[in-house]
Amino acid sequence: MQQQQQQRSLFPSKLGLRNLQSINLSFTLVTDIGVKKISVLNSLKSVNLDNRQITDVGLAALISLTRLTHLDLFGACITDNGTNCFRCKSILQDQFQLQNWLLSYEKLMCSI
């Protein structure tokens, strides 16, 4: 069973997507579980997840994407607690630029 779980977690990389730089999963049925699966794609620079099924759990899975420069979470069920993992990460790693994401998120929250 553990081996099956490991294989599932490596699924995107087994498809030859290791060098994928951009992915648009807007308006799909992707959930936090799916977000965890794409979080192994370390080359991702842009992720679009306009989706109401994404929560703080899915957002936390994206913390490993150190090359990410664009993250669209419009419509996601993200709370202030969910963004805290990125705030801590940005303090610990200068190269990981999350300020634009946080500003976009705050603008989104103000427009709702």
N, C-alpha and C. Protein backbone atom coordinates (compact mmCIF):
# COMPACT_ATOMS: atom_id res chain seq x y z
N MET A 1 0.82 -1.19 0.00
CA MET A 1 0.00 0.00 0.00
C MET A 1 0.86 1.26 0.00
N GLN A 2 1.93 1.26 0.80
CA GLN A 2 2.80 2.42 0.86
C GLN A 2 3.45 2.66 -0.50
N GLN A 3 3.81 1.60 -1.20
CA GLN A 3 4.41 1.73 -2.51
C GLN A 3 3.43 2.36 -3.49
N GLN A 4 2.16 1.99 -3.43
CA GLN A 4 1.15 2.59 -4.29
C GLN A 4 1.01 4.07 -4.01
N GLN A 5 1.06 4.47 -2.75
CA GLN A 5 0.96 5.88 -2.40
C GLN A 5 2.15 6.65 -2.95
N GLN A 6 3.35 6.08 -2.88
CA GLN A 6 4.53 6.73 -3.42
C GLN A 6 4.41 6.88 -4.92
N GLN A 7 3.91 5.86 -5.60
CA GLN A 7 3.76 5.94 -7.05
C GLN A 7 2.76 7.02 -7.42
N ARG A 8 1.66 7.12 -6.68
CA ARG A 8 0.66 8.15 -6.98
C ARG A 8 1.24 9.54 -6.78
N SER A 9 2.06 9.73 -5.76
CA SER A 9 2.61 11.05 -5.50
C SER A 9 3.61 11.47 -6.57
N LEU A 10 4.17 10.52 -7.29
CA LEU A 10 5.12 10.82 -8.35
C LEU A 10 4.46 10.87 -9.72
N PHE A 11 3.18 10.72 -9.78
CA PHE A 11 2.46 10.61 -11.05
C PHE A 11 2.81 11.71 -12.05
N PRO A 12 2.76 13.02 -11.71
CA PRO A 12 3.07 14.04 -12.71
C PRO A 12 4.48 13.90 -13.29
N SER A 13 5.44 13.58 -12.45
CA SER A 13 6.81 13.46 -12.95
C SER A 13 6.97 12.24 -13.85
N LYS A 14 6.16 11.21 -13.64
CA LYS A 14 6.23 10.03 -14.50
C LYS A 14 5.67 10.31 -15.89
N LEU A 15 4.88 11.35 -16.01
CA LEU A 15 4.33 11.71 -17.31
C LEU A 15 5.29 12.57 -18.13
N GLY A 16 6.48 12.81 -17.62
CA GLY A 16 7.44 13.64 -18.34
C GLY A 16 7.18 15.12 -18.15
N LEU A 17 6.59 15.50 -17.05
CA LEU A 17 6.24 16.89 -16.81
C LEU A 17 7.24 17.60 -15.90
N ARG A 18 8.38 17.01 -15.68
CA ARG A 18 9.36 17.59 -14.75
C ARG A 18 9.77 19.01 -15.13
N ASN A 19 9.79 19.34 -16.42
CA ASN A 19 10.23 20.66 -16.87
C ASN A 19 9.07 21.62 -17.14
N LEU A 20 7.87 21.21 -16.79
CA LEU A 20 6.70 22.06 -17.01
C LEU A 20 6.85 23.35 -16.21
N GLN A 21 6.65 24.50 -16.88
CA GLN A 21 6.82 25.79 -16.21
C GLN A 21 5.51 26.48 -15.90
N SER A 22 4.45 26.11 -16.59
CA SER A 22 3.17 26.77 -16.39
C SER A 22 2.04 25.75 -16.48
N ILE A 23 1.06 25.89 -15.59
CA ILE A 23 -0.09 24.99 -15.62
C ILE A 23 -1.34 25.80 -15.28
N ASN A 24 -2.40 25.56 -16.05
CA ASN A 24 -3.67 26.24 -15.82
C ASN A 24 -4.72 25.17 -15.53
N LEU A 25 -5.14 25.13 -14.28
CA LEU A 25 -6.15 24.16 -13.86
C LEU A 25 -7.43 24.87 -13.43
N SER A 26 -7.67 26.03 -14.03
CA SER A 26 -8.87 26.80 -13.71
C SER A 26 -10.13 26.03 -14.08
N PHE A 27 -11.11 26.16 -13.21
CA PHE A 27 -12.44 25.61 -13.45
C PHE A 27 -12.41 24.11 -13.74
N THR A 28 -11.49 23.41 -13.12
CA THR A 28 -11.45 21.96 -13.20
C THR A 28 -11.91 21.41 -11.86
N LEU A 29 -11.94 20.13 -11.73
CA LEU A 29 -12.36 19.51 -10.47
C LEU A 29 -11.18 19.17 -9.58
N VAL A 30 -10.03 19.79 -9.83
CA VAL A 30 -8.85 19.52 -9.02
C VAL A 30 -9.12 19.93 -7.57
N THR A 31 -8.63 19.10 -6.66
CA THR A 31 -8.81 19.35 -5.22
C THR A 31 -7.43 19.51 -4.58
N ASP A 32 -7.42 19.62 -3.27
CA ASP A 32 -6.16 19.72 -2.54
C ASP A 32 -5.26 18.52 -2.83
N ILE A 33 -5.85 17.36 -3.02
CA ILE A 33 -5.06 16.15 -3.34
C ILE A 33 -4.34 16.33 -4.67
N GLY A 34 -5.02 16.88 -5.65
CA GLY A 34 -4.40 17.13 -6.95
C GLY A 34 -3.30 18.17 -6.86
N VAL A 35 -3.52 19.19 -6.05
CA VAL A 35 -2.50 20.22 -5.86
C VAL A 35 -1.25 19.61 -5.24
N LYS A 36 -1.43 18.71 -4.31
CA LYS A 36 -0.28 18.03 -3.72
C LYS A 36 0.50 17.27 -4.78
N LYS A 37 -0.20 16.70 -5.75
CA LYS A 37 0.47 15.93 -6.80
C LYS A 37 1.28 16.85 -7.72
N ILE A 38 0.77 18.03 -8.03
CA ILE A 38 1.55 18.92 -8.90
C ILE A 38 2.67 19.63 -8.15
N SER A 39 2.63 19.57 -6.83
CA SER A 39 3.67 20.25 -6.05
C SER A 39 5.05 19.61 -6.21
N VAL A 40 5.11 18.44 -6.84
CA VAL A 40 6.41 17.81 -7.11
C VAL A 40 7.04 18.35 -8.39
N LEU A 41 6.33 19.18 -9.12
CA LEU A 41 6.83 19.73 -10.37
C LEU A 41 7.63 21.00 -10.06
N ASN A 42 8.89 20.82 -9.72
CA ASN A 42 9.72 21.90 -9.22
C ASN A 42 10.04 23.00 -10.22
N SER A 43 9.78 22.78 -11.51
CA SER A 43 10.06 23.80 -12.51
C SER A 43 8.92 24.79 -12.69
N LEU A 44 7.80 24.54 -12.04
CA LEU A 44 6.64 25.42 -12.22
C LEU A 44 6.94 26.85 -11.80
N LYS A 45 6.62 27.78 -12.70
CA LYS A 45 6.76 29.21 -12.42
C LYS A 45 5.39 29.88 -12.31
N SER A 46 4.39 29.30 -12.98
CA SER A 46 3.06 29.89 -13.00
C SER A 46 2.01 28.80 -12.79
N VAL A 47 1.14 29.03 -11.81
CA VAL A 47 0.07 28.08 -11.50
C VAL A 47 -1.23 28.85 -11.40
N ASN A 48 -2.22 28.41 -12.17
CA ASN A 48 -3.54 29.03 -12.13
C ASN A 48 -4.52 28.00 -11.59
N LEU A 49 -5.09 28.29 -10.42
CA LEU A 49 -6.00 27.36 -9.75
C LEU A 49 -7.31 28.05 -9.39
N ASP A 50 -7.93 28.74 -10.35
CA ASP A 50 -9.24 29.34 -10.09
C ASP A 50 -10.21 28.20 -9.78
N ASN A 51 -10.44 27.96 -8.51
CA ASN A 51 -11.20 26.78 -8.14
C ASN A 51 -11.66 26.88 -6.70
N ARG A 52 -12.92 26.65 -6.46
CA ARG A 52 -13.47 26.74 -5.11
C ARG A 52 -13.17 25.52 -4.24
N GLN A 53 -12.57 24.50 -4.83
CA GLN A 53 -12.26 23.29 -4.06
C GLN A 53 -10.86 23.32 -3.44
N ILE A 54 -10.09 24.34 -3.72
CA ILE A 54 -8.74 24.46 -3.16
C ILE A 54 -8.84 25.18 -1.82
N THR A 55 -8.21 24.60 -0.80
CA THR A 55 -8.25 25.17 0.55
C THR A 55 -6.83 25.45 1.04
N ASP A 56 -6.72 25.80 2.30
CA ASP A 56 -5.42 26.05 2.92
C ASP A 56 -4.49 24.85 2.79
N VAL A 57 -5.04 23.66 2.80
CA VAL A 57 -4.23 22.43 2.68
C VAL A 57 -3.53 22.39 1.32
N GLY A 58 -4.27 22.70 0.26
CA GLY A 58 -3.67 22.73 -1.08
C GLY A 58 -2.64 23.82 -1.22
N LEU A 59 -2.95 24.98 -0.65
CA LEU A 59 -2.01 26.09 -0.70
C LEU A 59 -0.70 25.73 -0.02
N ALA A 60 -0.78 25.09 1.12
CA ALA A 60 0.42 24.69 1.86
C ALA A 60 1.29 23.73 1.04
N ALA A 61 0.66 22.93 0.19
CA ALA A 61 1.42 21.98 -0.64
C ALA A 61 2.30 22.72 -1.65
N LEU A 62 1.92 23.93 -2.01
CA LEU A 62 2.66 24.68 -3.02
C LEU A 62 3.92 25.35 -2.48
N ILE A 63 4.12 25.31 -1.20
CA ILE A 63 5.28 25.96 -0.58
C ILE A 63 6.60 25.43 -1.12
N SER A 64 6.58 24.20 -1.62
CA SER A 64 7.81 23.58 -2.14
C SER A 64 8.20 24.10 -3.52
N LEU A 65 7.32 24.84 -4.18
CA LEU A 65 7.61 25.34 -5.53
C LEU A 65 8.41 26.64 -5.44
N THR A 66 9.70 26.52 -5.31
CA THR A 66 10.55 27.69 -5.07
C THR A 66 10.74 28.57 -6.30
N ARG A 67 10.40 28.10 -7.48
CA ARG A 67 10.53 28.91 -8.70
C ARG A 67 9.24 29.64 -9.06
N LEU A 68 8.21 29.42 -8.30
CA LEU A 68 6.90 29.99 -8.58
C LEU A 68 6.94 31.51 -8.48
N THR A 69 6.50 32.19 -9.55
CA THR A 69 6.42 33.65 -9.55
C THR A 69 5.00 34.15 -9.74
N HIS A 70 4.10 33.27 -10.20
CA HIS A 70 2.70 33.66 -10.40
C HIS A 70 1.80 32.56 -9.85
N LEU A 71 0.88 32.96 -8.99
CA LEU A 71 -0.07 32.01 -8.42
C LEU A 71 -1.44 32.67 -8.40
N ASP A 72 -2.39 32.10 -9.13
CA ASP A 72 -3.75 32.62 -9.18
C ASP A 72 -4.66 31.67 -8.43
N LEU A 73 -5.24 32.15 -7.35
CA LEU A 73 -6.14 31.34 -6.52
C LEU A 73 -7.53 31.95 -6.45
N PHE A 74 -7.93 32.68 -7.47
CA PHE A 74 -9.23 33.32 -7.45
C PHE A 74 -10.32 32.28 -7.19
N GLY A 75 -11.17 32.57 -6.25
CA GLY A 75 -12.27 31.67 -5.94
C GLY A 75 -11.93 30.55 -4.97
N ALA A 76 -10.64 30.41 -4.65
CA ALA A 76 -10.24 29.33 -3.73
C ALA A 76 -10.70 29.65 -2.32
N CYS A 77 -10.87 28.63 -1.53
CA CYS A 77 -11.31 28.78 -0.13
C CYS A 77 -10.10 28.91 0.78
N ILE A 78 -9.32 29.95 0.56
CA ILE A 78 -8.10 30.19 1.32
C ILE A 78 -8.41 31.19 2.44
N THR A 79 -7.89 30.91 3.61
CA THR A 79 -8.08 31.81 4.75
C THR A 79 -6.77 32.54 5.05
N ASP A 80 -6.83 33.48 5.96
CA ASP A 80 -5.61 34.16 6.39
C ASP A 80 -4.61 33.17 6.96
N ASN A 81 -5.09 32.17 7.65
CA ASN A 81 -4.19 31.14 8.19
C ASN A 81 -3.45 30.42 7.07
N GLY A 82 -4.11 30.22 5.95
CA GLY A 82 -3.48 29.54 4.82
C GLY A 82 -2.33 30.33 4.23
N THR A 83 -2.43 31.65 4.23
CA THR A 83 -1.35 32.47 3.68
C THR A 83 -0.18 32.59 4.64
N ASN A 84 -0.38 32.26 5.90
CA ASN A 84 0.70 32.38 6.87
C ASN A 84 1.90 31.51 6.54
N CYS A 85 1.67 30.33 5.96
CA CYS A 85 2.81 29.47 5.63
C CYS A 85 3.71 30.14 4.61
N PHE A 86 3.14 30.94 3.72
CA PHE A 86 3.95 31.67 2.75
C PHE A 86 4.66 32.85 3.39
N ARG A 87 4.01 33.51 4.31
CA ARG A 87 4.66 34.63 4.99
C ARG A 87 5.90 34.15 5.74
N CYS A 88 5.80 33.03 6.43
CA CYS A 88 6.95 32.49 7.15
C CYS A 88 8.05 32.09 6.18
N LYS A 89 7.67 31.48 5.09
CA LYS A 89 8.64 31.02 4.09
C LYS A 89 9.37 32.22 3.48
N SER A 90 8.67 33.32 3.22
CA SER A 90 9.31 34.47 2.59
C SER A 90 10.31 35.11 3.54
N ILE A 91 10.07 35.01 4.82
CA ILE A 91 11.03 35.54 5.79
C ILE A 91 12.27 34.66 5.81
N LEU A 92 12.08 33.35 5.73
CA LEU A 92 13.19 32.41 5.81
C LEU A 92 14.00 32.32 4.53
N GLN A 93 13.37 32.54 3.37
CA GLN A 93 14.07 32.41 2.10
C GLN A 93 13.83 33.65 1.26
N ASP A 94 14.86 34.47 1.11
CA ASP A 94 14.73 35.71 0.34
C ASP A 94 14.42 35.44 -1.12
N GLN A 95 14.94 34.34 -1.69
CA GLN A 95 14.73 34.05 -3.10
C GLN A 95 13.28 33.71 -3.41
N PHE A 96 12.53 33.32 -2.42
CA PHE A 96 11.15 32.87 -2.62
C PHE A 96 10.25 34.09 -2.51
N GLN A 97 9.88 34.69 -3.63
CA GLN A 97 9.17 35.96 -3.62
C GLN A 97 7.67 35.72 -3.60
N LEU A 98 7.09 36.00 -2.46
CA LEU A 98 5.67 35.77 -2.28
C LEU A 98 4.88 37.06 -2.07
N GLN A 99 5.57 38.17 -2.02
CA GLN A 99 4.90 39.42 -1.73
C GLN A 99 3.82 39.73 -2.76
N ASN A 100 4.11 39.48 -4.04
CA ASN A 100 3.12 39.74 -5.07
C ASN A 100 1.89 38.86 -4.90
N TRP A 101 2.11 37.61 -4.50
CA TRP A 101 0.98 36.71 -4.29
C TRP A 101 0.11 37.21 -3.16
N LEU A 102 0.75 37.63 -2.08
CA LEU A 102 -0.01 38.09 -0.92
C LEU A 102 -0.79 39.35 -1.26
N LEU A 103 -0.16 40.25 -2.03
CA LEU A 103 -0.87 41.46 -2.45
C LEU A 103 -2.06 41.11 -3.33
N SER A 104 -1.87 40.19 -4.26
CA SER A 104 -2.98 39.77 -5.13
C SER A 104 -4.09 39.15 -4.31
N TYR A 105 -3.73 38.34 -3.35
CA TYR A 105 -4.72 37.70 -2.49
C TYR A 105 -5.49 38.75 -1.69
N GLU A 106 -4.76 39.71 -1.14
CA GLU A 106 -5.42 40.75 -0.34
C GLU A 106 -6.35 41.59 -1.21
N LYS A 107 -5.93 41.90 -2.45
CA LYS A 107 -6.79 42.64 -3.37
C LYS A 107 -8.05 41.83 -3.67
N LEU A 108 -7.87 40.54 -3.87
CA LEU A 108 -9.01 39.66 -4.14
C LEU A 108 -9.98 39.68 -2.97
N MET A 109 -9.46 39.56 -1.77
CA MET A 109 -10.31 39.54 -0.59
C MET A 109 -11.06 40.86 -0.41
N CYS A 110 -10.43 41.96 -0.78
CA CYS A 110 -11.08 43.26 -0.68
C CYS A 110 -12.19 43.43 -1.72
N SER A 111 -12.04 42.74 -2.86
CA SER A 111 -13.03 42.89 -3.93
C SER A 111 -14.25 42.00 -3.73
N ILE A 112 -14.16 41.06 -2.81
CA ILE A 112 -15.29 40.14 -2.59
C ILE A 112 -16.33 40.78 -1.71
